[in-house]
Amino acid sequence: MPTMRVEMLLGNGPDFTRRIYDVLYSLQPRMLQLNLYPEKLGDFSTLPERLQTEVAASNTVIPFGVALVGAWSRKPT
């Protein structure tokens, strides 16, 4: 049987919520092309602060990037 491990950096600080904002901000032009209307997210200039406030109020953590999965095993000799 393979051994598996998943690693994901979690946190609740401004660096974590800023990452979400950065991704959404960079996708804005494509969202508009696809008629996804990013203005439904509210004012983008206040989005980082609103995200941080919500994470802090909910006393939770969010991921900083994607999960990394590793799997390994040994072939019997």
PDB file of N, CA and C in Angstrom:
ATOM      1  N   MET A   1       0.841  -1.180   0.000  1.00  0.00           N
ATOM      2  CA  MET A   1       0.000   0.000   0.000  1.00  0.00           C
ATOM      3  C   MET A   1       0.891   1.250   0.000  1.00  0.00           C
ATOM      4  N   PRO A   2       0.515   2.253  -0.769  1.00  0.00           N
ATOM      5  CA  PRO A   2       1.296   3.496  -0.750  1.00  0.00           C
ATOM      6  C   PRO A   2       1.033   4.291   0.524  1.00  0.00           C
ATOM      7  N   THR A   3       2.015   5.041   0.900  1.00  0.00           N
ATOM      8  CA  THR A   3       1.871   5.993   1.994  1.00  0.00           C
ATOM      9  C   THR A   3       1.591   7.342   1.359  1.00  0.00           C
ATOM     10  N   MET A   4       0.612   8.058   1.900  1.00  0.00           N
ATOM     11  CA  MET A   4       0.247   9.344   1.314  1.00  0.00           C
ATOM     12  C   MET A   4       0.295  10.430   2.375  1.00  0.00           C
ATOM     13  N   ARG A   5       0.559  11.633   1.894  1.00  0.00           N
ATOM     14  CA  ARG A   5       0.629  12.782   2.790  1.00  0.00           C
ATOM     15  C   ARG A   5       0.095  14.002   2.038  1.00  0.00           C
ATOM     16  N   VAL A   6      -0.715  14.802   2.723  1.00  0.00           N
ATOM     17  CA  VAL A   6      -1.237  16.047   2.163  1.00  0.00           C
ATOM     18  C   VAL A   6      -0.736  17.191   3.028  1.00  0.00           C
ATOM     19  N   GLU A   7      -0.187  18.202   2.376  1.00  0.00           N
ATOM     20  CA  GLU A   7       0.283  19.373   3.099  1.00  0.00           C
ATOM     21  C   GLU A   7      -0.401  20.613   2.546  1.00  0.00           C
ATOM     22  N   MET A   8      -0.895  21.445   3.460  1.00  0.00           N
ATOM     23  CA  MET A   8      -1.540  22.689   3.072  1.00  0.00           C
ATOM     24  C   MET A   8      -1.282  23.710   4.176  1.00  0.00           C
ATOM     25  N   LEU A   9      -0.754  24.845   3.783  1.00  0.00           N
ATOM     26  CA  LEU A   9      -0.487  25.911   4.730  1.00  0.00           C
ATOM     27  C   LEU A   9      -1.800  26.621   5.042  1.00  0.00           C
ATOM     28  N   LEU A  10      -2.168  26.675   6.320  1.00  0.00           N
ATOM     29  CA  LEU A  10      -3.406  27.316   6.762  1.00  0.00           C
ATOM     30  C   LEU A  10      -3.074  28.469   7.694  1.00  0.00           C
ATOM     31  N   GLY A  11      -3.925  29.462   7.697  1.00  0.00           N
ATOM     32  CA  GLY A  11      -3.735  30.582   8.609  1.00  0.00           C
ATOM     33  C   GLY A  11      -4.922  31.522   8.577  1.00  0.00           C
ATOM     34  N   ASN A  12      -4.828  32.591   9.344  1.00  0.00           N
ATOM     35  CA  ASN A  12      -5.918  33.562   9.375  1.00  0.00           C
ATOM     36  C   ASN A  12      -5.412  35.001   9.368  1.00  0.00           C
ATOM     37  N   GLY A  13      -4.169  35.198   8.998  1.00  0.00           N
ATOM     38  CA  GLY A  13      -3.585  36.533   8.973  1.00  0.00           C
ATOM     39  C   GLY A  13      -3.801  37.245   7.651  1.00  0.00           C
ATOM     40  N   PRO A  14      -3.410  38.506   7.595  1.00  0.00           N
ATOM     41  CA  PRO A  14      -3.596  39.307   6.382  1.00  0.00           C
ATOM     42  C   PRO A  14      -2.907  38.733   5.146  1.00  0.00           C
ATOM     43  N   ASP A  15      -1.795  38.030   5.305  1.00  0.00           N
ATOM     44  CA  ASP A  15      -1.127  37.425   4.144  1.00  0.00           C
ATOM     45  C   ASP A  15      -2.016  36.392   3.464  1.00  0.00           C
ATOM     46  N   PHE A  16      -2.808  35.694   4.251  1.00  0.00           N
ATOM     47  CA  PHE A  16      -3.678  34.665   3.699  1.00  0.00           C
ATOM     48  C   PHE A  16      -4.852  35.287   2.937  1.00  0.00           C
ATOM     49  N   THR A  17      -5.508  36.259   3.544  1.00  0.00           N
ATOM     50  CA  THR A  17      -6.650  36.882   2.870  1.00  0.00           C
ATOM     51  C   THR A  17      -6.190  37.729   1.689  1.00  0.00           C
ATOM     52  N   ARG A  18      -5.007  38.296   1.756  1.00  0.00           N
ATOM     53  CA  ARG A  18      -4.489  39.087   0.640  1.00  0.00           C
ATOM     54  C   ARG A  18      -4.264  38.205  -0.590  1.00  0.00           C
ATOM     55  N   ARG A  19      -3.895  36.983  -0.373  1.00  0.00           N
ATOM     56  CA  ARG A  19      -3.664  36.056  -1.491  1.00  0.00           C
ATOM     57  C   ARG A  19      -4.948  35.825  -2.281  1.00  0.00           C
ATOM     58  N   ILE A  20      -6.059  35.656  -1.569  1.00  0.00           N
ATOM     59  CA  ILE A  20      -7.352  35.486  -2.240  1.00  0.00           C
ATOM     60  C   ILE A  20      -7.668  36.717  -3.076  1.00  0.00           C
ATOM     61  N   TYR A  21      -7.455  37.880  -2.503  1.00  0.00           N
ATOM     62  CA  TYR A  21      -7.692  39.128  -3.224  1.00  0.00           C
ATOM     63  C   TYR A  21      -6.814  39.203  -4.473  1.00  0.00           C
ATOM     64  N   ASP A  22      -5.544  38.884  -4.338  1.00  0.00           N
ATOM     65  CA  ASP A  22      -4.623  38.963  -5.478  1.00  0.00           C
ATOM     66  C   ASP A  22      -5.083  38.079  -6.633  1.00  0.00           C
ATOM     67  N   VAL A  23      -5.549  36.880  -6.318  1.00  0.00           N
ATOM     68  CA  VAL A  23      -6.025  35.970  -7.360  1.00  0.00           C
ATOM     69  C   VAL A  23      -7.269  36.537  -8.032  1.00  0.00           C
ATOM     70  N   LEU A  24      -8.230  36.988  -7.234  1.00  0.00           N
ATOM     71  CA  LEU A  24      -9.460  37.553  -7.805  1.00  0.00           C
ATOM     72  C   LEU A  24      -9.175  38.799  -8.627  1.00  0.00           C
ATOM     73  N   TYR A  25      -8.277  39.639  -8.145  1.00  0.00           N
ATOM     74  CA  TYR A  25      -7.939  40.867  -8.866  1.00  0.00           C
ATOM     75  C   TYR A  25      -7.302  40.549 -10.220  1.00  0.00           C
ATOM     76  N   SER A  26      -6.426  39.561 -10.238  1.00  0.00           N
ATOM     77  CA  SER A  26      -5.768  39.205 -11.494  1.00  0.00           C
ATOM     78  C   SER A  26      -6.741  38.562 -12.483  1.00  0.00           C
ATOM     79  N   LEU A  27      -7.817  37.976 -11.985  1.00  0.00           N
ATOM     80  CA  LEU A  27      -8.801  37.334 -12.849  1.00  0.00           C
ATOM     81  C   LEU A  27      -9.905  38.271 -13.324  1.00  0.00           C
ATOM     82  N   GLN A  28      -9.919  39.509 -12.819  1.00  0.00           N
ATOM     83  CA  GLN A  28     -10.984  40.453 -13.171  1.00  0.00           C
ATOM     84  C   GLN A  28     -11.219  40.574 -14.679  1.00  0.00           C
ATOM     85  N   PRO A  29     -10.198  40.785 -15.517  1.00  0.00           N
ATOM     86  CA  PRO A  29     -10.458  40.913 -16.956  1.00  0.00           C
ATOM     87  C   PRO A  29     -11.148  39.675 -17.545  1.00  0.00           C
ATOM     88  N   ARG A  30     -10.714  38.506 -17.133  1.00  0.00           N
ATOM     89  CA  ARG A  30     -11.326  37.277 -17.656  1.00  0.00           C
ATOM     90  C   ARG A  30     -12.751  37.108 -17.126  1.00  0.00           C
ATOM     91  N   MET A  31     -12.985  37.486 -15.886  1.00  0.00           N
ATOM     92  CA  MET A  31     -14.329  37.420 -15.320  1.00  0.00           C
ATOM     93  C   MET A  31     -15.287  38.292 -16.129  1.00  0.00           C
ATOM     94  N   LEU A  32     -14.834  39.457 -16.523  1.00  0.00           N
ATOM     95  CA  LEU A  32     -15.666  40.349 -17.325  1.00  0.00           C
ATOM     96  C   LEU A  32     -15.944  39.744 -18.700  1.00  0.00           C
ATOM     97  N   GLN A  33     -14.938  39.124 -19.305  1.00  0.00           N
ATOM     98  CA  GLN A  33     -15.132  38.474 -20.601  1.00  0.00           C
ATOM     99  C   GLN A  33     -16.182  37.372 -20.527  1.00  0.00           C
ATOM    100  N   LEU A  34     -16.229  36.688 -19.389  1.00  0.00           N
ATOM    101  CA  LEU A  34     -17.166  35.580 -19.206  1.00  0.00           C
ATOM    102  C   LEU A  34     -18.484  36.015 -18.578  1.00  0.00           C
ATOM    103  N   ASN A  35     -18.675  37.331 -18.446  1.00  0.00           N
ATOM    104  CA  ASN A  35     -19.898  37.891 -17.852  1.00  0.00           C
ATOM    105  C   ASN A  35     -20.132  37.386 -16.422  1.00  0.00           C
ATOM    106  N   LEU A  36     -19.068  37.288 -15.640  1.00  0.00           N
ATOM    107  CA  LEU A  36     -19.181  36.850 -14.251  1.00  0.00           C
ATOM    108  C   LEU A  36     -19.352  38.008 -13.285  1.00  0.00           C
ATOM    109  N   TYR A  37     -19.222  39.226 -13.746  1.00  0.00           N
ATOM    110  CA  TYR A  37     -19.506  40.432 -12.976  1.00  0.00           C
ATOM    111  C   TYR A  37     -18.833  40.463 -11.604  1.00  0.00           C
ATOM    112  N   PRO A  38     -17.542  40.766 -11.567  1.00  0.00           N
ATOM    113  CA  PRO A  38     -16.831  40.808 -10.284  1.00  0.00           C
ATOM    114  C   PRO A  38     -17.348  41.887  -9.335  1.00  0.00           C
ATOM    115  N   GLU A  39     -18.138  42.832  -9.811  1.00  0.00           N
ATOM    116  CA  GLU A  39     -18.660  43.858  -8.903  1.00  0.00           C
ATOM    117  C   GLU A  39     -19.615  43.268  -7.863  1.00  0.00           C
ATOM    118  N   LYS A  40     -20.082  42.049  -8.089  1.00  0.00           N
ATOM    119  CA  LYS A  40     -20.906  41.389  -7.075  1.00  0.00           C
ATOM    120  C   LYS A  40     -20.102  41.119  -5.802  1.00  0.00           C
ATOM    121  N   LEU A  41     -18.779  41.169  -5.919  1.00  0.00           N
ATOM    122  CA  LEU A  41     -17.912  41.009  -4.747  1.00  0.00           C
ATOM    123  C   LEU A  41     -17.787  42.313  -3.967  1.00  0.00           C
ATOM    124  N   GLY A  42     -18.373  43.375  -4.479  1.00  0.00           N
ATOM    125  CA  GLY A  42     -18.276  44.675  -3.825  1.00  0.00           C
ATOM    126  C   GLY A  42     -17.065  45.441  -4.320  1.00  0.00           C
ATOM    127  N   ASP A  43     -16.742  46.482  -3.608  1.00  0.00           N
ATOM    128  CA  ASP A  43     -15.622  47.353  -3.961  1.00  0.00           C
ATOM    129  C   ASP A  43     -14.310  46.592  -3.800  1.00  0.00           C
ATOM    130  N   PHE A  44     -13.588  46.399  -4.908  1.00  0.00           N
ATOM    131  CA  PHE A  44     -12.335  45.654  -4.852  1.00  0.00           C
ATOM    132  C   PHE A  44     -11.290  46.350  -3.978  1.00  0.00           C
ATOM    133  N   SER A  45     -11.371  47.660  -3.837  1.00  0.00           N
ATOM    134  CA  SER A  45     -10.372  48.361  -3.018  1.00  0.00           C
ATOM    135  C   SER A  45     -10.521  48.039  -1.534  1.00  0.00           C
ATOM    136  N   THR A  46     -11.689  47.581  -1.100  1.00  0.00           N
ATOM    137  CA  THR A  46     -11.896  47.230   0.308  1.00  0.00           C
ATOM    138  C   THR A  46     -11.978  45.726   0.537  1.00  0.00           C
ATOM    139  N   LEU A  47     -11.857  44.946  -0.532  1.00  0.00           N
ATOM    140  CA  LEU A  47     -12.004  43.496  -0.406  1.00  0.00           C
ATOM    141  C   LEU A  47     -10.991  42.858   0.544  1.00  0.00           C
ATOM    142  N   PRO A  48      -9.711  43.214   0.513  1.00  0.00           N
ATOM    143  CA  PRO A  48      -8.780  42.574   1.465  1.00  0.00           C
ATOM    144  C   PRO A  48      -9.183  42.781   2.930  1.00  0.00           C
ATOM    145  N   GLU A  49      -9.602  43.992   3.269  1.00  0.00           N
ATOM    146  CA  GLU A  49     -10.005  44.270   4.651  1.00  0.00           C
ATOM    147  C   GLU A  49     -11.288  43.519   5.010  1.00  0.00           C
ATOM    148  N   ARG A  50     -12.230  43.460   4.065  1.00  0.00           N
ATOM    149  CA  ARG A  50     -13.481  42.751   4.340  1.00  0.00           C
ATOM    150  C   ARG A  50     -13.240  41.264   4.509  1.00  0.00           C
ATOM    151  N   LEU A  51     -12.363  40.686   3.691  1.00  0.00           N
ATOM    152  CA  LEU A  51     -12.023  39.274   3.841  1.00  0.00           C
ATOM    153  C   LEU A  51     -11.373  39.013   5.195  1.00  0.00           C
ATOM    154  N   GLN A  52     -10.428  39.866   5.585  1.00  0.00           N
ATOM    155  CA  GLN A  52      -9.742  39.689   6.867  1.00  0.00           C
ATOM    156  C   GLN A  52     -10.716  39.809   8.026  1.00  0.00           C
ATOM    157  N   THR A  53     -11.631  40.756   7.945  1.00  0.00           N
ATOM    158  CA  THR A  53     -12.637  40.935   9.003  1.00  0.00           C
ATOM    159  C   THR A  53     -13.513  39.696   9.122  1.00  0.00           C
ATOM    160  N   GLU A  54     -13.924  39.148   7.989  1.00  0.00           N
ATOM    161  CA  GLU A  54     -14.786  37.962   8.013  1.00  0.00           C
ATOM    162  C   GLU A  54     -14.057  36.744   8.567  1.00  0.00           C
ATOM    163  N   VAL A  55     -12.815  36.550   8.165  1.00  0.00           N
ATOM    164  CA  VAL A  55     -12.041  35.409   8.674  1.00  0.00           C
ATOM    165  C   VAL A  55     -11.834  35.552  10.184  1.00  0.00           C
ATOM    166  N   ALA A  56     -11.489  36.759  10.627  1.00  0.00           N
ATOM    167  CA  ALA A  56     -11.278  36.979  12.064  1.00  0.00           C
ATOM    168  C   ALA A  56     -12.571  36.779  12.851  1.00  0.00           C
ATOM    169  N   ALA A  57     -13.688  37.277  12.322  1.00  0.00           N
ATOM    170  CA  ALA A  57     -14.970  37.157  13.021  1.00  0.00           C
ATOM    171  C   ALA A  57     -15.434  35.712  13.119  1.00  0.00           C
ATOM    172  N   SER A  58     -15.113  34.900  12.126  1.00  0.00           N
ATOM    173  CA  SER A  58     -15.548  33.507  12.141  1.00  0.00           C
ATOM    174  C   SER A  58     -14.578  32.595  12.892  1.00  0.00           C
ATOM    175  N   ASN A  59     -13.453  33.166  13.339  1.00  0.00           N
ATOM    176  CA  ASN A  59     -12.463  32.405  14.097  1.00  0.00           C
ATOM    177  C   ASN A  59     -12.083  31.110  13.365  1.00  0.00           C
ATOM    178  N   THR A  60     -11.704  31.269  12.108  1.00  0.00           N
ATOM    179  CA  THR A  60     -11.374  30.122  11.275  1.00  0.00           C
ATOM    180  C   THR A  60     -10.044  30.346  10.573  1.00  0.00           C
ATOM    181  N   VAL A  61      -9.629  29.383   9.794  1.00  0.00           N
ATOM    182  CA  VAL A  61      -8.418  29.504   8.990  1.00  0.00           C
ATOM    183  C   VAL A  61      -8.778  29.298   7.525  1.00  0.00           C
ATOM    184  N   ILE A  62      -7.910  29.789   6.644  1.00  0.00           N
ATOM    185  CA  ILE A  62      -8.088  29.614   5.213  1.00  0.00           C
ATOM    186  C   ILE A  62      -6.775  29.125   4.628  1.00  0.00           C
ATOM    187  N   PRO A  63      -6.827  28.478   3.457  1.00  0.00           N
ATOM    188  CA  PRO A  63      -5.594  27.967   2.855  1.00  0.00           C
ATOM    189  C   PRO A  63      -4.786  29.073   2.184  1.00  0.00           C
ATOM    190  N   PHE A  64      -3.499  28.898   2.160  1.00  0.00           N
ATOM    191  CA  PHE A  64      -2.570  29.800   1.478  1.00  0.00           C
ATOM    192  C   PHE A  64      -2.012  29.037   0.290  1.00  0.00           C
ATOM    193  N   GLY A  65      -2.761  28.966  -0.780  1.00  0.00           N
ATOM    194  CA  GLY A  65      -2.334  28.211  -1.945  1.00  0.00           C
ATOM    195  C   GLY A  65      -3.067  26.897  -2.056  1.00  0.00           C
ATOM    196  N   VAL A  66      -2.459  25.972  -2.747  1.00  0.00           N
ATOM    197  CA  VAL A  66      -3.085  24.674  -3.001  1.00  0.00           C
ATOM    198  C   VAL A  66      -2.458  23.600  -2.125  1.00  0.00           C
ATOM    199  N   ALA A  67      -3.197  22.523  -1.965  1.00  0.00           N
ATOM    200  CA  ALA A  67      -2.675  21.388  -1.202  1.00  0.00           C
ATOM    201  C   ALA A  67      -1.662  20.624  -2.051  1.00  0.00           C
ATOM    202  N   LEU A  68      -0.610  20.188  -1.421  1.00  0.00           N
ATOM    203  CA  LEU A  68       0.385  19.344  -2.078  1.00  0.00           C
ATOM    204  C   LEU A  68       0.204  17.921  -1.579  1.00  0.00           C
ATOM    205  N   VAL A  69       0.109  16.988  -2.512  1.00  0.00           N
ATOM    206  CA  VAL A  69      -0.100  15.584  -2.160  1.00  0.00           C
ATOM    207  C   VAL A  69       1.136  14.803  -2.575  1.00  0.00           C
ATOM    208  N   GLY A  70       1.631  14.039  -1.646  1.00  0.00           N
ATOM    209  CA  GLY A  70       2.756  13.167  -1.937  1.00  0.00           C
ATOM    210  C   GLY A  70       2.347  11.725  -1.673  1.00  0.00           C
ATOM    211  N   ALA A  71       2.786  10.820  -2.522  1.00  0.00           N
ATOM    212  CA  ALA A  71       2.510   9.396  -2.337  1.00  0.00           C
ATOM    213  C   ALA A  71       3.774   8.615  -2.672  1.00  0.00           C
ATOM    214  N   TRP A  72       4.053   7.624  -1.893  1.00  0.00           N
ATOM    215  CA  TRP A  72       5.217   6.805  -2.148  1.00  0.00           C
ATOM    216  C   TRP A  72       4.994   5.409  -1.603  1.00  0.00           C
ATOM    217  N   SER A  73       5.712   4.479  -2.192  1.00  0.00           N
ATOM    218  CA  SER A  73       5.651   3.100  -1.733  1.00  0.00           C
ATOM    219  C   SER A  73       6.943   2.402  -2.155  1.00  0.00           C
ATOM    220  N   ARG A  74       7.135   1.215  -1.645  1.00  0.00           N
ATOM    221  CA  ARG A  74       8.306   0.430  -1.997  1.00  0.00           C
ATOM    222  C   ARG A  74       7.842  -0.866  -2.639  1.00  0.00           C
ATOM    223  N   LYS A  75       8.533  -1.215  -3.666  1.00  0.00           N
ATOM    224  CA  LYS A  75       8.266  -2.488  -4.332  1.00  0.00           C
ATOM    225  C   LYS A  75       8.923  -3.600  -3.538  1.00  0.00           C
ATOM    226  N   PRO A  76       8.188  -4.670  -3.253  1.00  0.00           N
ATOM    227  CA  PRO A  76       8.802  -5.758  -2.485  1.00  0.00           C
ATOM    228  C   PRO A  76      10.015  -6.319  -3.223  1.00  0.00           C
ATOM    229  N   THR A  77      11.044  -6.641  -2.446  1.00  0.00           N
ATOM    230  CA  THR A  77      12.267  -7.200  -3.069  1.00  0.00           C
ATOM    231  C   THR A  77      12.164  -8.690  -3.252  1.00  0.00           C
TER     232      THR A  77
END
